Amino acid sequence: GGHVETGEEDHDAVARECREEVGLFLDEPGAYRYLGSVAERCVTRRRGTLVVACRVYEQLRPRRPEHLQDKEVAACGWAPLKVLLGDAQPL
């Protein structure tokens, strides 16, 4: 899981979390392209509401995750773009 730091933009938070947790560098020139976002979902929990936000990037060059933080990442995988497009909201 991740979060947005104070003063941080959404993309900056996603790029930082991907770098820290799986070793993917979303800002590497020519490696990824931002496609849009999947509709956010709110999950009510005892400690408040959790907002689940999914940003969708297209991988332009072959890259594998450099590492996975076991305590932060339960699973890592790739989803076919067509699975996500029905819900995507391009900017």
Protein backbone atom coordinates (compact mmCIF):
# COMPACT_ATOMS: atom_id res chain seq x y z
CA GLY A 1 0.00 0.00 0.00
CA GLY A 2 1.04 3.56 -0.35
CA HIS A 3 0.08 7.10 0.42
CA VAL A 4 0.55 10.64 -0.82
CA GLU A 5 3.00 12.69 1.24
CA THR A 6 2.09 16.26 2.18
CA GLY A 7 2.62 18.50 -0.86
CA GLU A 8 3.12 15.54 -3.20
CA GLU A 9 1.15 15.15 -6.45
CA ASP A 10 -0.57 11.83 -7.20
CA HIS A 11 1.89 10.86 -9.95
CA ASP A 12 4.86 11.68 -7.75
CA ALA A 13 3.44 9.43 -5.01
CA VAL A 14 2.81 6.56 -7.45
CA ALA A 15 6.31 6.89 -8.93
CA ARG A 16 7.89 6.96 -5.46
CA GLU A 17 5.89 3.98 -4.18
CA CYS A 18 6.69 1.92 -7.31
CA ARG A 19 10.38 2.75 -6.97
CA GLU A 20 10.45 1.91 -3.23
CA GLU A 21 8.25 -1.18 -3.23
CA VAL A 22 8.99 -2.94 -6.53
CA GLY A 23 11.99 -1.17 -8.04
CA LEU A 24 10.19 0.15 -11.15
CA PHE A 25 11.10 3.67 -12.26
CA LEU A 26 7.98 5.17 -13.84
CA ASP A 27 9.81 8.41 -14.69
CA GLU A 28 12.53 6.65 -16.69
CA PRO A 29 12.38 8.36 -20.11
CA GLY A 30 10.71 6.15 -22.72
CA ALA A 31 10.01 3.25 -20.32
CA TYR A 32 6.37 3.91 -19.28
CA ARG A 33 3.42 5.94 -20.48
CA TYR A 34 0.59 7.10 -18.23
CA LEU A 35 -2.77 6.02 -19.67
CA GLY A 36 -5.28 7.14 -17.06
CA SER A 37 -6.89 6.03 -13.85
CA VAL A 38 -9.41 3.41 -12.85
CA ALA A 39 -12.38 4.79 -10.89
CA GLU A 40 -11.45 5.23 -7.23
CA ARG A 41 -13.17 3.00 -4.70
CA CYS A 42 -13.88 3.84 -1.07
CA VAL A 43 -13.65 1.08 1.52
CA THR A 44 -15.11 1.73 4.97
CA ARG A 45 -12.92 0.44 7.79
CA ARG A 46 -13.02 0.69 11.58
CA ARG A 47 -10.29 3.33 11.47
CA GLY A 48 -11.93 5.41 8.73
CA THR A 49 -12.34 5.29 4.99
CA LEU A 50 -9.65 3.92 2.71
CA VAL A 51 -9.58 5.30 -0.83
CA VAL A 52 -8.22 2.79 -3.35
CA ALA A 53 -6.81 4.55 -6.42
CA CYS A 54 -5.32 2.74 -9.40
CA ARG A 55 -3.19 4.56 -11.94
CA VAL A 56 -2.58 2.75 -15.23
CA TYR A 57 0.74 2.87 -17.06
CA GLU A 58 1.78 1.16 -20.28
CA GLN A 59 5.18 -0.49 -20.13
CA LEU A 60 7.05 0.50 -23.31
CA ARG A 61 10.26 -1.45 -22.75
CA PRO A 62 10.83 -4.84 -21.12
CA ARG A 63 11.51 -4.38 -17.41
CA ARG A 64 11.13 -6.70 -14.45
CA PRO A 65 10.64 -5.54 -10.89
CA GLU A 66 14.07 -5.17 -9.27
CA HIS A 67 12.77 -6.18 -5.84
CA LEU A 68 9.56 -6.64 -3.89
CA GLN A 69 9.16 -5.36 -0.35
CA ASP A 70 7.59 -8.40 1.30
CA LYS A 71 5.91 -6.33 4.01
CA GLU A 72 4.34 -3.94 1.50
CA VAL A 73 3.59 -6.05 -1.59
CA ALA A 74 1.32 -9.09 -1.31
CA ALA A 75 1.48 -9.81 -5.05
CA CYS A 76 2.82 -8.31 -8.22
CA GLY A 77 1.59 -9.04 -11.72
CA TRP A 78 0.62 -7.63 -15.08
CA ALA A 79 -2.94 -7.08 -16.28
CA PRO A 80 -3.90 -7.03 -19.95
CA LEU A 81 -4.77 -3.49 -20.99
CA LYS A 82 -8.19 -4.54 -22.32
CA VAL A 83 -9.17 -5.69 -18.80
CA LEU A 84 -8.65 -2.17 -17.46
CA LEU A 85 -9.91 -0.03 -20.34
CA GLY A 86 -13.60 -0.39 -19.58
CA ASP A 87 -13.10 1.50 -16.32
CA ALA A 88 -10.25 3.84 -17.32
CA GLN A 89 -10.65 7.62 -17.29
CA PRO A 90 -7.93 9.17 -19.48
CA LEU A 91 -6.79 12.67 -18.58
